[in-house]
């Protein structure tokens, strides 16, 4: 699962969409995530993953702050180099 991913998402409590890049690293058996911040806020995210027929992981997750009424949604797609 470690690698670089393209990200497509919808911001929490908004209909605004965005795109970006996320890096997942395996550090001692723990998956570390490097991503961007919105408006100076550090969001929490909960992801689920599954493998598609091509055997690459796909991540879909919810993005939120503590006072979020409508969580954002993100999809991560692996970048093949």
PDB file of N, CA and C in Angstrom:
ATOM      1  N   UNK A   1       0.805  -1.205   0.000  1.00  0.00           N
ATOM      2  CA  UNK A   1       0.000   0.000   0.000  1.00  0.00           C
ATOM      3  C   UNK A   1       0.846   1.265   0.000  1.00  0.00           C
ATOM      4  N   UNK A   2       2.094   1.145   0.376  1.00  0.00           N
ATOM      5  CA  UNK A   2       2.955   2.322   0.371  1.00  0.00           C
ATOM      6  C   UNK A   2       3.158   2.799  -1.063  1.00  0.00           C
ATOM      7  N   UNK A   3       3.207   4.103  -1.239  1.00  0.00           N
ATOM      8  CA  UNK A   3       3.416   4.677  -2.556  1.00  0.00           C
ATOM      9  C   UNK A   3       2.780   6.048  -2.673  1.00  0.00           C
ATOM     10  N   UNK A   4       2.744   6.564  -3.906  1.00  0.00           N
ATOM     11  CA  UNK A   4       2.131   7.864  -4.159  1.00  0.00           C
ATOM     12  C   UNK A   4       0.767   7.667  -4.805  1.00  0.00           C
ATOM     13  N   UNK A   5      -0.158   8.560  -4.444  1.00  0.00           N
ATOM     14  CA  UNK A   5      -1.536   8.468  -4.918  1.00  0.00           C
ATOM     15  C   UNK A   5      -2.024   9.826  -5.385  1.00  0.00           C
ATOM     16  N   UNK A   6      -2.791   9.824  -6.486  1.00  0.00           N
ATOM     17  CA  UNK A   6      -3.554  11.000  -6.871  1.00  0.00           C
ATOM     18  C   UNK A   6      -4.800  11.013  -6.014  1.00  0.00           C
ATOM     19  N   UNK A   7      -5.225  12.218  -5.637  1.00  0.00           N
ATOM     20  CA  UNK A   7      -6.374  12.373  -4.745  1.00  0.00           C
ATOM     21  C   UNK A   7      -7.413  13.256  -5.434  1.00  0.00           C
ATOM     22  N   UNK A   8      -8.669  12.847  -5.350  1.00  0.00           N
ATOM     23  CA  UNK A   8      -9.804  13.654  -5.791  1.00  0.00           C
ATOM     24  C   UNK A   8     -10.754  13.712  -4.604  1.00  0.00           C
ATOM     25  N   UNK A   9     -11.247  14.918  -4.278  1.00  0.00           N
ATOM     26  CA  UNK A   9     -12.093  15.012  -3.094  1.00  0.00           C
ATOM     27  C   UNK A   9     -13.093  16.149  -3.121  1.00  0.00           C
ATOM     28  N   UNK A  10     -13.973  16.103  -2.124  1.00  0.00           N
ATOM     29  CA  UNK A  10     -14.929  17.178  -1.855  1.00  0.00           C
ATOM     30  C   UNK A  10     -14.700  17.637  -0.422  1.00  0.00           C
ATOM     31  N   UNK A  11     -14.535  18.923  -0.235  1.00  0.00           N
ATOM     32  CA  UNK A  11     -14.224  19.505   1.062  1.00  0.00           C
ATOM     33  C   UNK A  11     -15.389  19.312   2.048  1.00  0.00           C
ATOM     34  N   UNK A  12     -15.064  19.138   3.325  1.00  0.00           N
ATOM     35  CA  UNK A  12     -16.078  18.980   4.370  1.00  0.00           C
ATOM     36  C   UNK A  12     -16.947  20.232   4.475  1.00  0.00           C
ATOM     37  N   UNK A  13     -18.232  20.038   4.742  1.00  0.00           N
ATOM     38  CA  UNK A  13     -19.198  21.142   4.889  1.00  0.00           C
ATOM     39  C   UNK A  13     -19.215  22.066   3.672  1.00  0.00           C
ATOM     40  N   UNK A  14     -19.021  21.500   2.486  1.00  0.00           N
ATOM     41  CA  UNK A  14     -18.930  22.311   1.281  1.00  0.00           C
ATOM     42  C   UNK A  14     -19.222  21.437   0.065  1.00  0.00           C
ATOM     43  N   UNK A  15     -19.453  22.085  -1.058  1.00  0.00           N
ATOM     44  CA  UNK A  15     -19.557  21.352  -2.320  1.00  0.00           C
ATOM     45  C   UNK A  15     -18.305  21.573  -3.169  1.00  0.00           C
ATOM     46  N   UNK A  16     -17.320  22.284  -2.602  1.00  0.00           N
ATOM     47  CA  UNK A  16     -16.068  22.560  -3.319  1.00  0.00           C
ATOM     48  C   UNK A  16     -15.273  21.266  -3.507  1.00  0.00           C
ATOM     49  N   UNK A  17     -14.737  21.087  -4.708  1.00  0.00           N
ATOM     50  CA  UNK A  17     -13.915  19.912  -4.990  1.00  0.00           C
ATOM     51  C   UNK A  17     -12.451  20.324  -5.089  1.00  0.00           C
ATOM     52  N   UNK A  18     -11.571  19.334  -4.990  1.00  0.00           N
ATOM     53  CA  UNK A  18     -10.137  19.593  -5.041  1.00  0.00           C
ATOM     54  C   UNK A  18      -9.423  18.348  -5.531  1.00  0.00           C
ATOM     55  N   UNK A  19      -8.162  18.523  -5.869  1.00  0.00           N
ATOM     56  CA  UNK A  19      -7.312  17.397  -6.224  1.00  0.00           C
ATOM     57  C   UNK A  19      -5.947  17.627  -5.610  1.00  0.00           C
ATOM     58  N   UNK A  20      -5.191  16.582  -5.476  1.00  0.00           N
ATOM     59  CA  UNK A  20      -3.877  16.696  -4.880  1.00  0.00           C
ATOM     60  C   UNK A  20      -3.131  15.389  -4.966  1.00  0.00           C
ATOM     61  N   UNK A  21      -2.118  15.268  -4.130  1.00  0.00           N
ATOM     62  CA  UNK A  21      -1.289  14.078  -4.094  1.00  0.00           C
ATOM     63  C   UNK A  21      -1.049  13.684  -2.646  1.00  0.00           C
ATOM     64  N   UNK A  22      -1.067  12.390  -2.391  1.00  0.00           N
ATOM     65  CA  UNK A  22      -0.846  11.834  -1.058  1.00  0.00           C
ATOM     66  C   UNK A  22       0.257  10.790  -1.155  1.00  0.00           C
ATOM     67  N   UNK A  23       1.141  10.768  -0.174  1.00  0.00           N
ATOM     68  CA  UNK A  23       2.190   9.759  -0.101  1.00  0.00           C
ATOM     69  C   UNK A  23       1.969   8.902   1.137  1.00  0.00           C
ATOM     70  N   UNK A  24       1.971   7.585   0.963  1.00  0.00           N
ATOM     71  CA  UNK A  24       1.877   6.631   2.073  1.00  0.00           C
ATOM     72  C   UNK A  24       3.229   5.932   2.187  1.00  0.00           C
ATOM     73  N   UNK A  25       3.792   5.921   3.413  1.00  0.00           N
ATOM     74  CA  UNK A  25       5.085   5.286   3.667  1.00  0.00           C
ATOM     75  C   UNK A  25       4.933   4.248   4.769  1.00  0.00           C
ATOM     76  N   UNK A  26       5.637   3.130   4.614  1.00  0.00           N
ATOM     77  CA  UNK A  26       5.679   2.107   5.645  1.00  0.00           C
ATOM     78  C   UNK A  26       6.883   2.379   6.530  1.00  0.00           C
ATOM     79  N   UNK A  27       6.634   2.757   7.773  1.00  0.00           N
ATOM     80  CA  UNK A  27       7.714   3.010   8.723  1.00  0.00           C
ATOM     81  C   UNK A  27       7.547   2.079   9.912  1.00  0.00           C
ATOM     82  N   UNK A  28       8.299   0.996   9.890  1.00  0.00           N
ATOM     83  CA  UNK A  28       8.240   0.024  10.978  1.00  0.00           C
ATOM     84  C   UNK A  28       6.885  -0.654  11.105  1.00  0.00           C
ATOM     85  N   UNK A  29       6.238  -0.908   9.982  1.00  0.00           N
ATOM     86  CA  UNK A  29       4.942  -1.575  10.006  1.00  0.00           C
ATOM     87  C   UNK A  29       3.768  -0.634  10.228  1.00  0.00           C
ATOM     88  N   UNK A  30       4.036   0.671  10.312  1.00  0.00           N
ATOM     89  CA  UNK A  30       2.980   1.674  10.500  1.00  0.00           C
ATOM     90  C   UNK A  30       2.897   2.516   9.238  1.00  0.00           C
ATOM     91  N   UNK A  31       1.702   2.686   8.718  1.00  0.00           N
ATOM     92  CA  UNK A  31       1.499   3.476   7.511  1.00  0.00           C
ATOM     93  C   UNK A  31       1.460   4.958   7.876  1.00  0.00           C
ATOM     94  N   UNK A  32       2.427   5.733   7.358  1.00  0.00           N
ATOM     95  CA  UNK A  32       2.508   7.171   7.596  1.00  0.00           C
ATOM     96  C   UNK A  32       1.994   7.907   6.364  1.00  0.00           C
ATOM     97  N   UNK A  33       1.200   8.945   6.569  1.00  0.00           N
ATOM     98  CA  UNK A  33       0.570   9.669   5.477  1.00  0.00           C
ATOM     99  C   UNK A  33       1.124  11.091   5.408  1.00  0.00           C
ATOM    100  N   UNK A  34       1.503  11.522   4.201  1.00  0.00           N
ATOM    101  CA  UNK A  34       1.894  12.905   3.957  1.00  0.00           C
ATOM    102  C   UNK A  34       0.869  13.493   3.012  1.00  0.00           C
ATOM    103  N   UNK A  35       0.207  14.561   3.462  1.00  0.00           N
ATOM    104  CA  UNK A  35      -0.842  15.200   2.670  1.00  0.00           C
ATOM    105  C   UNK A  35      -0.843  16.688   2.938  1.00  0.00           C
ATOM    106  N   UNK A  36      -1.763  17.432   2.346  1.00  0.00           N
ATOM    107  CA  UNK A  36      -1.834  18.887   2.468  1.00  0.00           C
ATOM    108  C   UNK A  36      -2.880  19.302   3.509  1.00  0.00           C
ATOM    109  N   UNK A  37      -2.874  20.572   3.899  1.00  0.00           N
ATOM    110  CA  UNK A  37      -3.839  21.129   4.856  1.00  0.00           C
ATOM    111  C   UNK A  37      -4.742  22.116   4.125  1.00  0.00           C
ATOM    112  N   UNK A  38      -5.942  22.326   4.640  1.00  0.00           N
ATOM    113  CA  UNK A  38      -6.869  23.316   4.109  1.00  0.00           C
ATOM    114  C   UNK A  38      -6.958  24.490   5.063  1.00  0.00           C
ATOM    115  N   UNK A  39      -6.827  25.691   4.564  1.00  0.00           N
ATOM    116  CA  UNK A  39      -7.055  26.905   5.352  1.00  0.00           C
ATOM    117  C   UNK A  39      -6.318  26.883   6.686  1.00  0.00           C
ATOM    118  N   UNK A  40      -5.159  26.224   6.738  1.00  0.00           N
ATOM    119  CA  UNK A  40      -4.389  26.156   7.970  1.00  0.00           C
ATOM    120  C   UNK A  40      -4.918  25.153   8.982  1.00  0.00           C
ATOM    121  N   UNK A  41      -5.960  24.395   8.634  1.00  0.00           N
ATOM    122  CA  UNK A  41      -6.537  23.399   9.542  1.00  0.00           C
ATOM    123  C   UNK A  41      -5.984  22.016   9.249  1.00  0.00           C
ATOM    124  N   UNK A  42      -5.795  21.232  10.286  1.00  0.00           N
ATOM    125  CA  UNK A  42      -5.368  19.850  10.126  1.00  0.00           C
ATOM    126  C   UNK A  42      -6.601  18.964  10.298  1.00  0.00           C
ATOM    127  N   UNK A  43      -7.035  18.343   9.235  1.00  0.00           N
ATOM    128  CA  UNK A  43      -8.233  17.511   9.238  1.00  0.00           C
ATOM    129  C   UNK A  43      -7.908  16.086   9.661  1.00  0.00           C
ATOM    130  N   UNK A  44      -8.892  15.405  10.219  1.00  0.00           N
ATOM    131  CA  UNK A  44      -8.808  13.973  10.462  1.00  0.00           C
ATOM    132  C   UNK A  44      -9.459  13.276   9.279  1.00  0.00           C
ATOM    133  N   UNK A  45      -9.032  12.052   9.012  1.00  0.00           N
ATOM    134  CA  UNK A  45      -9.614  11.288   7.917  1.00  0.00           C
ATOM    135  C   UNK A  45      -9.701   9.826   8.324  1.00  0.00           C
ATOM    136  N   UNK A  46     -10.738   9.174   7.846  1.00  0.00           N
ATOM    137  CA  UNK A  46     -10.918   7.743   8.047  1.00  0.00           C
ATOM    138  C   UNK A  46     -11.073   7.116   6.676  1.00  0.00           C
ATOM    139  N   UNK A  47     -10.206   6.163   6.343  1.00  0.00           N
ATOM    140  CA  UNK A  47     -10.212   5.531   5.031  1.00  0.00           C
ATOM    141  C   UNK A  47     -10.548   4.056   5.134  1.00  0.00           C
ATOM    142  N   UNK A  48     -11.153   3.551   4.075  1.00  0.00           N
ATOM    143  CA  UNK A  48     -11.265   2.104   3.907  1.00  0.00           C
ATOM    144  C   UNK A  48     -10.585   1.776   2.601  1.00  0.00           C
ATOM    145  N   UNK A  49     -10.066   0.592   2.482  1.00  0.00           N
ATOM    146  CA  UNK A  49      -9.367   0.223   1.256  1.00  0.00           C
ATOM    147  C   UNK A  49      -9.878  -1.106   0.775  1.00  0.00           C
ATOM    148  N   UNK A  50      -9.714  -1.300  -0.530  1.00  0.00           N
ATOM    149  CA  UNK A  50     -10.006  -2.592  -1.127  1.00  0.00           C
ATOM    150  C   UNK A  50      -9.127  -2.747  -2.354  1.00  0.00           C
ATOM    151  N   UNK A  51      -8.970  -3.957  -2.781  1.00  0.00           N
ATOM    152  CA  UNK A  51      -8.160  -4.233  -3.949  1.00  0.00           C
ATOM    153  C   UNK A  51      -9.090  -4.434  -5.140  1.00  0.00           C
ATOM    154  N   UNK A  52      -8.736  -3.839  -6.266  1.00  0.00           N
ATOM    155  CA  UNK A  52      -9.495  -4.018  -7.500  1.00  0.00           C
ATOM    156  C   UNK A  52      -8.921  -5.209  -8.267  1.00  0.00           C
ATOM    157  N   UNK A  53      -9.574  -5.624  -9.356  1.00  0.00           N
ATOM    158  CA  UNK A  53      -9.066  -6.777 -10.120  1.00  0.00           C
ATOM    159  C   UNK A  53      -7.627  -6.614 -10.600  1.00  0.00           C
ATOM    160  N   UNK A  54      -7.142  -5.373 -10.711  1.00  0.00           N
ATOM    161  CA  UNK A  54      -5.754  -5.174 -11.122  1.00  0.00           C
ATOM    162  C   UNK A  54      -4.784  -5.324  -9.957  1.00  0.00           C
ATOM    163  N   UNK A  55      -5.299  -5.633  -8.752  1.00  0.00           N
ATOM    164  CA  UNK A  55      -4.518  -5.870  -7.534  1.00  0.00           C
ATOM    165  C   UNK A  55      -3.881  -4.628  -6.946  1.00  0.00           C
ATOM    166  N   UNK A  56      -4.302  -3.439  -7.358  1.00  0.00           N
ATOM    167  CA  UNK A  56      -3.822  -2.206  -6.758  1.00  0.00           C
ATOM    168  C   UNK A  56      -4.829  -1.744  -5.719  1.00  0.00           C
ATOM    169  N   UNK A  57      -4.356  -1.253  -4.575  1.00  0.00           N
ATOM    170  CA  UNK A  57      -5.303  -0.796  -3.543  1.00  0.00           C
ATOM    171  C   UNK A  57      -5.996   0.491  -3.952  1.00  0.00           C
ATOM    172  N   UNK A  58      -7.244   0.616  -3.553  1.00  0.00           N
ATOM    173  CA  UNK A  58      -8.019   1.844  -3.738  1.00  0.00           C
ATOM    174  C   UNK A  58      -8.460   2.293  -2.353  1.00  0.00           C
ATOM    175  N   UNK A  59      -8.300   3.574  -2.072  1.00  0.00           N
ATOM    176  CA  UNK A  59      -8.693   4.123  -0.784  1.00  0.00           C
ATOM    177  C   UNK A  59      -9.847   5.099  -0.984  1.00  0.00           C
ATOM    178  N   UNK A  60     -10.852   4.995  -0.139  1.00  0.00           N
ATOM    179  CA  UNK A  60     -11.950   5.964  -0.103  1.00  0.00           C
ATOM    180  C   UNK A  60     -12.107   6.361   1.354  1.00  0.00           C
ATOM    181  N   UNK A  61     -12.215   7.669   1.612  1.00  0.00           N
ATOM    182  CA  UNK A  61     -12.271   8.094   3.003  1.00  0.00           C
ATOM    183  C   UNK A  61     -13.111   9.323   3.241  1.00  0.00           C
ATOM    184  N   UNK A  62     -13.436   9.512   4.512  1.00  0.00           N
ATOM    185  CA  UNK A  62     -14.167  10.682   4.980  1.00  0.00           C
ATOM    186  C   UNK A  62     -13.192  11.632   5.654  1.00  0.00           C
ATOM    187  N   UNK A  63     -13.375  12.921   5.436  1.00  0.00           N
ATOM    188  CA  UNK A  63     -12.489  13.965   5.926  1.00  0.00           C
ATOM    189  C   UNK A  63     -13.306  14.916   6.784  1.00  0.00           C
ATOM    190  N   UNK A  64     -12.813  15.251   7.981  1.00  0.00           N
ATOM    191  CA  UNK A  64     -13.624  16.062   8.883  1.00  0.00           C
ATOM    192  C   UNK A  64     -12.785  16.776   9.940  1.00  0.00           C
ATOM    193  N   UNK A  65     -13.375  17.837  10.495  1.00  0.00           N
ATOM    194  CA  UNK A  65     -12.894  18.518  11.700  1.00  0.00           C
ATOM    195  C   UNK A  65     -13.841  18.121  12.823  1.00  0.00           C
ATOM    196  N   UNK A  66     -13.523  18.493  14.050  1.00  0.00           N
ATOM    197  CA  UNK A  66     -14.370  18.109  15.178  1.00  0.00           C
ATOM    198  C   UNK A  66     -15.790  18.666  15.075  1.00  0.00           C
ATOM    199  N   UNK A  67     -15.986  19.825  14.470  1.00  0.00           N
ATOM    200  CA  UNK A  67     -17.316  20.439  14.367  1.00  0.00           C
ATOM    201  C   UNK A  67     -17.967  20.221  13.000  1.00  0.00           C
ATOM    202  N   UNK A  68     -17.457  19.290  12.201  1.00  0.00           N
ATOM    203  CA  UNK A  68     -17.984  19.046  10.853  1.00  0.00           C
ATOM    204  C   UNK A  68     -19.400  18.503  10.905  1.00  0.00           C
ATOM    205  N   UNK A  69     -20.284  19.096  10.099  1.00  0.00           N
ATOM    206  CA  UNK A  69     -21.661  18.615   9.989  1.00  0.00           C
ATOM    207  C   UNK A  69     -21.805  17.634   8.834  1.00  0.00           C
ATOM    208  N   UNK A  70     -21.098  17.895   7.755  1.00  0.00           N
ATOM    209  CA  UNK A  70     -21.134  17.032   6.570  1.00  0.00           C
ATOM    210  C   UNK A  70     -19.695  16.708   6.178  1.00  0.00           C
ATOM    211  N   UNK A  71     -19.232  15.467   6.421  1.00  0.00           N
ATOM    212  CA  UNK A  71     -17.836  15.149   6.139  1.00  0.00           C
ATOM    213  C   UNK A  71     -17.517  15.254   4.658  1.00  0.00           C
ATOM    214  N   UNK A  72     -16.256  15.533   4.366  1.00  0.00           N
ATOM    215  CA  UNK A  72     -15.790  15.511   2.987  1.00  0.00           C
ATOM    216  C   UNK A  72     -15.558  14.074   2.564  1.00  0.00           C
ATOM    217  N   UNK A  73     -15.302  13.888   1.295  1.00  0.00           N
ATOM    218  CA  UNK A  73     -15.085  12.565   0.757  1.00  0.00           C
ATOM    219  C   UNK A  73     -13.868  12.607  -0.162  1.00  0.00           C
ATOM    220  N   UNK A  74     -12.994  11.605  -0.037  1.00  0.00           N
ATOM    221  CA  UNK A  74     -11.799  11.548  -0.869  1.00  0.00           C
ATOM    222  C   UNK A  74     -11.658  10.161  -1.475  1.00  0.00           C
ATOM    223  N   UNK A  75     -11.075  10.118  -2.658  1.00  0.00           N
ATOM    224  CA  UNK A  75     -10.701   8.868  -3.314  1.00  0.00           C
ATOM    225  C   UNK A  75      -9.240   8.976  -3.719  1.00  0.00           C
ATOM    226  N   UNK A  76      -8.461   7.946  -3.415  1.00  0.00           N
ATOM    227  CA  UNK A  76      -7.041   7.919  -3.741  1.00  0.00           C
ATOM    228  C   UNK A  76      -6.793   6.849  -4.788  1.00  0.00           C
ATOM    229  N   UNK A  77      -6.029   7.213  -5.817  1.00  0.00           N
ATOM    230  CA  UNK A  77      -5.716   6.296  -6.916  1.00  0.00           C
ATOM    231  C   UNK A  77      -4.212   6.170  -7.029  1.00  0.00           C
ATOM    232  N   UNK A  78      -3.671   4.941  -7.065  1.00  0.00           N
ATOM    233  CA  UNK A  78      -2.218   4.767  -7.112  1.00  0.00           C
ATOM    234  C   UNK A  78      -1.618   5.339  -8.388  1.00  0.00           C
ATOM    235  N   UNK A  79      -0.427   5.928  -8.244  1.00  0.00           N
ATOM    236  CA  UNK A  79       0.323   6.448  -9.383  1.00  0.00           C
ATOM    237  C   UNK A  79       1.314   5.358  -9.790  1.00  0.00           C
ATOM    238  N   UNK A  80       1.226   4.923 -11.019  1.00  0.00           N
ATOM    239  CA  UNK A  80       2.117   3.873 -11.519  1.00  0.00           C
ATOM    240  C   UNK A  80       3.305   4.511 -12.202  1.00  0.00           C
ATOM    241  N   UNK A  81       4.481   4.184 -11.721  1.00  0.00           N
ATOM    242  CA  UNK A  81       5.706   4.759 -12.306  1.00  0.00           C
ATOM    243  C   UNK A  81       6.426   3.736 -13.131  1.00  0.00           C
TER     244      UNK A  81
END
